[in-house]
Amino acid sequence: MERNSRIFVAGHRGLVGSAIVRRLVEAGHSDLVLRGRDELDLTDQAAVRAFFDREKIDYVILAAAKVGGILANDRFGGDFIRDNLLIQTNVIDAAWRAGVRKLLFLGSSCLYPKFAEQPLKEEALLTGPLEPTNKPYAIAKIAGITQCQAYRRQYGFNAICAMPSNLYGPGDHFDPEGSHAIPGMIRRFHDAKMERAPSVTLWGTGTPRREFLYVDDMADACLHLMERYDGEDIINVGPGEDIAIGDLARLIRGVVGYEGALTQDLSKPDGHPRKLMDVSRLFATGWRPKVGLEEGLRRTYGWFLENAAPPAPKATIGNATGEAAE
């Protein structure tokens, strides 16, 4: 991408989108096209087509999506599949029609089969049953990947697809009812600390293992792929290391400084038993993450204290899967 390229970051106010904007600005890109939901409804086909016809976009990074953890996916599955299908179908099709030079579509590690062999290789997609707790979201995003691949084959559209691991960092959503694992834990441990609660409860057994990538590293990987990758195959993006949810909870408890007990609610679901991705394809292109987990957690908690730290009444941790952020 040239410095003067016109770049549309869809979902620029979300966790991933805002990090991508920061990285683009840092790299010297100045012609960024940014639209909030109040300015452009990506579920409205006519509005999206008119936008692309008018704005003459060169490159698209599609980071807009409806996302959430286990609780949100369970309660609002209809919203997840409808909104994501509409967003990605409209943007990918309109971008191709308008002559966009390249598009990056973001999937998620949760799209892989629940019991796929670990670490997850890109070839494992669609080889087995999905995790039931996020099936509507996963099916929608798999459809987006398939659309990108089909448009490449039929129309020659240069669309690439990245599969991020669980993401976290500044700009995340810390809603105790609908957030992912790390922001949910940060919020609940912080609230418990402020309220001097004697304990905080972790959903499930604490044994599932997850891979977490700091969002600014994800943004850096996105720019790297836009510059250096043009293949049809999906490509995993992550650090290549995972951690048990229980160990993650203890790590976050230490970062927050909460000294109470950690208990478990075994009646709650665990989700995927493990999600570690094989990132050898990405690493072979020369990219590596820069921010380790503990350092990323400290940065994230610092951002939370400055931007999103009002108290909440409950102190229960939900073990959530980390889909791509909007």
Protein backbone atom coordinates (compact mmCIF):
# COMPACT_ATOMS: atom_id res chain seq x y z
CA MET A 1 0.00 0.00 0.00
CA GLU A 2 1.39 3.36 -0.99
CA ARG A 3 1.46 6.24 1.52
CA ASN A 4 -1.18 8.11 -0.51
CA SER A 5 -3.46 5.09 -1.03
CA ARG A 6 -7.09 5.57 -0.07
CA ILE A 7 -7.75 2.98 2.67
CA PHE A 8 -11.12 2.09 4.17
CA VAL A 9 -10.94 0.55 7.65
CA ALA A 10 -14.39 -0.91 8.31
CA GLY A 11 -15.03 -1.05 12.05
CA HIS A 12 -12.45 1.62 12.93
CA ARG A 13 -13.95 2.27 16.37
CA GLY A 14 -13.68 -1.33 17.52
CA LEU A 15 -10.82 -3.15 19.20
CA VAL A 16 -9.05 -4.31 16.04
CA GLY A 17 -10.10 -1.45 13.77
CA SER A 18 -8.84 1.26 16.12
CA ALA A 19 -5.50 -0.53 16.47
CA ILE A 20 -5.23 -0.82 12.69
CA VAL A 21 -5.86 2.91 12.33
CA ARG A 22 -3.13 3.63 14.88
CA ARG A 23 -0.71 1.42 12.96
CA LEU A 24 -1.60 2.96 9.58
CA VAL A 25 -1.05 6.47 10.92
CA GLU A 26 2.26 5.37 12.44
CA ALA A 27 3.30 3.99 9.04
CA GLY A 28 2.57 7.32 7.35
CA HIS A 29 -0.77 6.59 5.69
CA SER A 30 -2.85 9.77 5.70
CA ASP A 31 -5.78 9.12 3.35
CA LEU A 32 -7.88 6.95 5.66
CA VAL A 33 -11.62 6.62 5.04
CA LEU A 34 -13.43 6.07 8.34
CA ARG A 35 -17.18 5.82 8.90
CA GLY A 36 -19.05 5.07 12.10
CA ARG A 37 -22.33 3.16 12.24
CA ASP A 38 -24.19 6.45 12.44
CA GLU A 39 -22.63 7.47 9.10
CA LEU A 40 -22.66 4.16 7.20
CA ASP A 41 -24.80 1.13 8.00
CA LEU A 42 -22.80 -1.80 6.64
CA THR A 43 -25.88 -4.04 6.78
CA ASP A 44 -27.56 -1.77 4.19
CA GLN A 45 -26.55 -3.00 0.73
CA ALA A 46 -27.61 0.11 -1.17
CA ALA A 47 -25.80 2.42 1.26
CA VAL A 48 -22.60 0.36 1.07
CA ARG A 49 -22.61 0.28 -2.74
CA ALA A 50 -23.19 4.01 -2.91
CA PHE A 51 -20.35 4.59 -0.46
CA PHE A 52 -17.86 2.60 -2.54
CA ASP A 53 -18.99 4.22 -5.79
CA ARG A 54 -18.52 7.64 -4.26
CA GLU A 55 -15.29 7.24 -2.27
CA LYS A 56 -12.99 5.52 -4.81
CA ILE A 57 -11.32 3.25 -2.27
CA ASP A 58 -7.97 1.54 -3.07
CA TYR A 59 -7.71 -0.88 -0.15
CA VAL A 60 -10.12 -2.32 2.42
CA ILE A 61 -9.46 -3.85 5.82
CA LEU A 62 -12.72 -5.43 6.96
CA ALA A 63 -12.55 -5.38 10.77
CA ALA A 64 -16.26 -4.70 11.29
CA ALA A 65 -18.25 -7.54 12.84
CA LYS A 66 -20.73 -8.32 15.58
CA VAL A 67 -18.72 -10.12 18.26
CA GLY A 68 -18.99 -11.36 21.84
CA GLY A 69 -18.16 -14.12 24.28
CA ILE A 70 -19.98 -17.33 25.17
CA LEU A 71 -22.88 -15.60 26.93
CA ALA A 72 -23.55 -13.14 24.12
CA ASN A 73 -23.26 -15.85 21.45
CA ASP A 74 -25.69 -18.07 23.33
CA ARG A 75 -28.30 -15.37 23.84
CA PHE A 76 -28.08 -13.52 20.53
CA GLY A 77 -27.12 -16.14 17.93
CA GLY A 78 -29.68 -14.81 15.46
CA ASP A 79 -28.18 -11.35 15.60
CA PHE A 80 -24.67 -12.74 15.18
CA ILE A 81 -25.37 -14.73 12.04
CA ARG A 82 -27.64 -12.12 10.41
CA ASP A 83 -25.51 -9.04 11.03
CA ASN A 84 -22.21 -10.65 10.12
CA LEU A 85 -23.56 -12.17 6.91
CA LEU A 86 -24.95 -8.81 5.86
CA ILE A 87 -21.85 -6.79 6.75
CA GLN A 88 -19.33 -8.99 5.00
CA THR A 89 -21.48 -9.78 1.96
CA ASN A 90 -22.18 -6.12 1.34
CA VAL A 91 -18.62 -4.90 1.83
CA ILE A 92 -16.85 -7.66 -0.14
CA ASP A 93 -19.26 -7.41 -3.07
CA ALA A 94 -19.26 -3.62 -3.20
CA ALA A 95 -15.47 -3.50 -2.95
CA TRP A 96 -15.11 -5.85 -5.91
CA ARG A 97 -17.69 -3.94 -7.95
CA ALA A 98 -15.91 -0.64 -7.25
CA GLY A 99 -12.50 -1.93 -8.34
CA VAL A 100 -10.80 -2.06 -4.93
CA ARG A 101 -7.22 -3.28 -5.38
CA LYS A 102 -7.06 -5.49 -2.29
CA LEU A 103 -9.23 -6.49 0.67
CA LEU A 104 -8.32 -8.14 3.97
CA PHE A 105 -11.09 -10.12 5.70
CA LEU A 106 -10.71 -11.13 9.34
CA GLY A 107 -11.93 -14.52 10.52
CA SER A 108 -11.22 -16.05 13.94
CA SER A 109 -9.67 -19.10 15.55
CA CYS A 110 -13.16 -20.08 16.75
CA LEU A 111 -14.08 -21.01 13.16
CA TYR A 112 -12.06 -24.20 13.38
CA PRO A 113 -13.73 -27.52 14.33
CA LYS A 114 -14.12 -28.02 18.07
CA PHE A 115 -11.96 -31.14 18.20
CA ALA A 116 -9.50 -30.37 15.42
CA GLU A 117 -5.93 -31.53 15.93
CA GLN A 118 -3.76 -29.04 17.79
CA PRO A 119 -2.09 -26.80 16.88
CA LEU A 120 -4.75 -25.72 14.40
CA LYS A 121 -3.54 -25.73 10.83
CA GLU A 122 -5.28 -23.67 8.18
CA GLU A 123 -6.26 -26.87 6.36
CA ALA A 124 -8.43 -27.93 9.34
CA LEU A 125 -11.21 -25.47 8.46
CA LEU A 126 -14.49 -27.27 7.63
CA THR A 127 -13.16 -30.71 8.58
CA GLY A 128 -15.41 -31.29 11.61
CA PRO A 129 -18.25 -30.02 13.85
CA LEU A 130 -18.04 -26.48 15.23
CA GLU A 131 -18.17 -25.46 18.89
CA PRO A 132 -21.96 -25.15 19.57
CA THR A 133 -21.65 -22.04 21.76
CA ASN A 134 -20.50 -19.84 18.85
CA LYS A 135 -21.85 -21.75 15.85
CA PRO A 136 -23.95 -18.90 14.34
CA TYR A 137 -20.99 -16.51 14.43
CA ALA A 138 -18.61 -19.13 13.05
CA ILE A 139 -20.88 -20.11 10.16
CA ALA A 140 -21.28 -16.47 9.16
CA LYS A 141 -17.54 -15.83 9.17
CA ILE A 142 -16.80 -19.06 7.27
CA ALA A 143 -19.24 -17.80 4.64
CA GLY A 144 -17.19 -14.60 4.42
CA ILE A 145 -13.99 -16.56 3.84
CA THR A 146 -15.72 -18.63 1.17
CA GLN A 147 -17.00 -15.48 -0.51
CA CYS A 148 -13.49 -14.02 -0.65
CA GLN A 149 -12.11 -17.21 -2.15
CA ALA A 150 -14.96 -17.54 -4.65
CA TYR A 151 -14.59 -13.90 -5.78
CA ARG A 152 -10.86 -14.44 -6.23
CA ARG A 153 -11.45 -17.52 -8.40
CA GLN A 154 -14.33 -16.17 -10.47
CA TYR A 155 -13.53 -12.46 -10.71
CA GLY A 156 -9.82 -12.23 -9.90
CA PHE A 157 -10.58 -10.09 -6.82
CA ASN A 158 -7.51 -9.83 -4.58
CA ALA A 159 -9.15 -10.72 -1.26
CA ILE A 160 -7.11 -12.34 1.52
CA CYS A 161 -8.29 -13.86 4.82
CA ALA A 162 -6.54 -13.81 8.20
CA MET A 163 -7.51 -15.96 11.20
CA PRO A 164 -6.61 -14.11 14.44
CA SER A 165 -6.24 -15.85 17.76
CA ASN A 166 -8.05 -14.39 20.79
CA LEU A 167 -7.40 -10.64 20.81
CA TYR A 168 -7.21 -8.17 23.68
CA GLY A 169 -5.89 -4.70 24.42
CA PRO A 170 -6.78 -0.99 24.52
CA GLY A 171 -10.26 -0.24 23.18
CA ASP A 172 -11.75 -3.57 24.24
CA HIS A 173 -15.27 -3.93 25.64
CA PHE A 174 -15.31 -4.48 29.40
CA ASP A 175 -19.02 -5.22 29.75
CA PRO A 176 -19.26 -7.95 32.45
CA GLU A 177 -22.12 -9.66 30.59
CA GLY A 178 -20.88 -9.66 27.00
CA SER A 179 -17.10 -9.29 26.92
CA HIS A 180 -14.39 -11.77 26.01
CA ALA A 181 -12.21 -13.60 28.52
CA ILE A 182 -9.47 -11.05 29.25
CA PRO A 183 -11.55 -7.83 29.46
CA GLY A 184 -14.23 -9.70 31.39
CA MET A 185 -11.69 -10.90 33.94
CA ILE A 186 -10.03 -7.49 34.21
CA ARG A 187 -13.39 -5.86 34.87
CA ARG A 188 -14.51 -8.38 37.46
CA PHE A 189 -11.21 -8.58 39.33
CA HIS A 190 -11.04 -4.79 39.39
CA ASP A 191 -14.61 -4.48 40.69
CA ALA A 192 -13.95 -7.15 43.31
CA LYS A 193 -10.83 -5.27 44.38
CA MET A 194 -12.72 -1.98 44.68
CA GLU A 195 -15.58 -3.63 46.61
CA ARG A 196 -13.20 -5.76 48.70
CA ALA A 197 -15.15 -8.86 47.69
CA PRO A 198 -13.80 -12.05 49.30
CA SER A 199 -13.83 -14.09 46.08
CA VAL A 200 -14.36 -14.06 42.33
CA THR A 201 -15.88 -17.02 40.46
CA LEU A 202 -14.46 -18.47 37.26
CA TRP A 203 -16.79 -20.16 34.78
CA GLY A 204 -16.07 -23.80 34.07
CA THR A 205 -13.06 -25.90 35.01
CA GLY A 206 -10.31 -23.44 34.14
CA THR A 207 -8.54 -26.12 32.09
CA PRO A 208 -9.30 -25.00 28.50
CA ARG A 209 -6.30 -23.44 26.86
CA ARG A 210 -6.37 -20.26 24.78
CA GLU A 211 -3.94 -18.28 22.69
CA PHE A 212 -3.98 -14.50 23.15
CA LEU A 213 -2.55 -11.82 20.88
CA TYR A 214 -2.15 -8.17 21.84
CA VAL A 215 -4.26 -6.11 19.45
CA ASP A 216 -1.46 -3.79 18.34
CA ASP A 217 0.50 -6.86 17.25
CA MET A 218 -2.58 -7.94 15.29
CA ALA A 219 -2.72 -4.54 13.60
CA ASP A 220 0.94 -4.85 12.66
CA ALA A 221 0.28 -8.31 11.21
CA CYS A 222 -2.59 -6.90 9.13
CA LEU A 223 -0.35 -4.31 7.49
CA HIS A 224 2.31 -6.96 6.98
CA LEU A 225 -0.17 -9.23 5.17
CA MET A 226 -1.52 -6.40 3.04
CA GLU A 227 2.05 -5.74 1.89
CA ARG A 228 3.37 -9.29 1.55
CA TYR A 229 0.60 -11.85 1.18
CA ASP A 230 -1.64 -12.45 -1.83
CA GLY A 231 -2.72 -16.07 -1.51
CA GLU A 232 -6.17 -17.64 -1.60
CA ASP A 233 -5.48 -19.75 1.49
CA ILE A 234 -6.40 -18.42 4.90
CA ILE A 235 -3.49 -17.55 7.17
CA ASN A 236 -3.36 -17.86 10.97
CA VAL A 237 -2.26 -14.89 13.07
CA GLY A 238 -1.15 -15.43 16.66
CA PRO A 239 1.85 -15.77 18.97
CA GLY A 240 1.99 -19.57 18.71
CA GLU A 241 1.71 -20.01 22.50
CA ASP A 242 -1.31 -20.72 24.72
CA ILE A 243 -2.27 -20.63 28.40
CA ALA A 244 -4.89 -22.38 30.56
CA ILE A 245 -7.84 -20.16 31.48
CA GLY A 246 -7.24 -20.81 35.18
CA ASP A 247 -3.60 -19.70 34.86
CA LEU A 248 -4.72 -16.66 32.87
CA ALA A 249 -7.14 -15.74 35.67
CA ARG A 250 -4.36 -15.94 38.25
CA LEU A 251 -2.10 -13.84 36.04
CA ILE A 252 -4.76 -11.15 35.63
CA ARG A 253 -5.54 -11.26 39.35
CA GLY A 254 -1.88 -10.40 39.99
CA VAL A 255 -1.82 -7.61 37.40
CA VAL A 256 -4.96 -6.05 38.91
CA GLY A 257 -3.73 -6.55 42.46
CA TYR A 258 -6.79 -8.42 43.73
CA GLU A 259 -5.98 -10.47 46.83
CA GLY A 260 -9.24 -12.41 47.28
CA ALA A 261 -9.95 -16.07 46.48
CA LEU A 262 -10.63 -17.56 43.06
CA THR A 263 -13.47 -20.12 42.92
CA GLN A 264 -15.09 -22.10 40.09
CA ASP A 265 -18.64 -22.62 38.84
CA LEU A 266 -18.48 -26.06 37.26
CA SER A 267 -22.07 -25.78 35.97
CA LYS A 268 -20.93 -23.23 33.38
CA PRO A 269 -19.55 -24.21 29.94
CA ASP A 270 -15.87 -24.30 29.02
CA GLY A 271 -16.24 -23.84 25.25
CA HIS A 272 -13.41 -25.20 23.06
CA PRO A 273 -11.06 -27.48 25.08
CA ARG A 274 -8.07 -25.89 23.35
CA LYS A 275 -7.39 -23.35 20.65
CA LEU A 276 -3.77 -23.04 19.64
CA MET A 277 -3.01 -22.16 16.05
CA ASP A 278 -0.15 -23.24 13.84
CA VAL A 279 1.36 -19.92 12.78
CA SER A 280 4.28 -21.32 10.79
CA ARG A 281 2.80 -20.00 7.52
CA LEU A 282 2.74 -16.44 8.88
CA PHE A 283 6.11 -16.68 10.61
CA ALA A 284 7.64 -17.87 7.33
CA THR A 285 6.79 -14.46 5.84
CA GLY A 286 9.02 -12.77 8.42
CA TRP A 287 6.46 -11.54 10.97
CA ARG A 288 6.66 -12.03 14.76
CA PRO A 289 4.62 -10.52 17.64
CA LYS A 290 6.37 -7.95 19.84
CA VAL A 291 4.26 -7.79 23.05
CA GLY A 292 4.26 -10.68 25.54
CA LEU A 293 1.11 -11.67 27.44
CA GLU A 294 1.97 -10.21 30.86
CA GLU A 295 3.16 -6.93 29.36
CA GLY A 296 0.04 -6.77 27.20
CA LEU A 297 -2.17 -7.36 30.23
CA ARG A 298 -0.46 -4.54 32.12
CA ARG A 299 -0.95 -2.17 29.19
CA THR A 300 -4.58 -3.22 28.87
CA TYR A 301 -5.31 -2.74 32.57
CA GLY A 302 -3.66 0.67 32.44
CA TRP A 303 -5.93 1.65 29.55
CA PHE A 304 -8.93 0.30 31.45
CA LEU A 305 -8.10 2.40 34.53
CA GLU A 306 -7.93 5.54 32.40
CA ASN A 307 -10.93 4.91 30.16
CA ALA A 308 -13.42 2.29 31.37
CA ALA A 309 -13.25 1.64 35.09
CA PRO A 310 -16.66 2.42 36.69
CA PRO A 311 -17.67 -0.27 39.21
CA ALA A 312 -20.15 -3.06 38.46
CA PRO A 313 -22.28 -4.94 41.03
CA LYS A 314 -21.21 -8.52 40.22
CA ALA A 315 -17.92 -10.39 40.44
CA THR A 316 -18.28 -13.50 38.26
CA ILE A 317 -15.84 -14.33 35.48
CA GLY A 318 -17.13 -15.76 32.23
CA ASN A 319 -14.73 -17.96 30.28
CA ALA A 320 -15.26 -16.52 26.82
CA THR A 321 -13.85 -17.31 23.45
CA GLY A 322 -12.10 -14.40 21.72
CA GLU A 323 -13.58 -13.83 18.27
CA ALA A 324 -12.35 -11.05 15.90
CA ALA A 325 -13.44 -7.68 17.20
CA GLU A 326 -15.62 -5.30 15.48
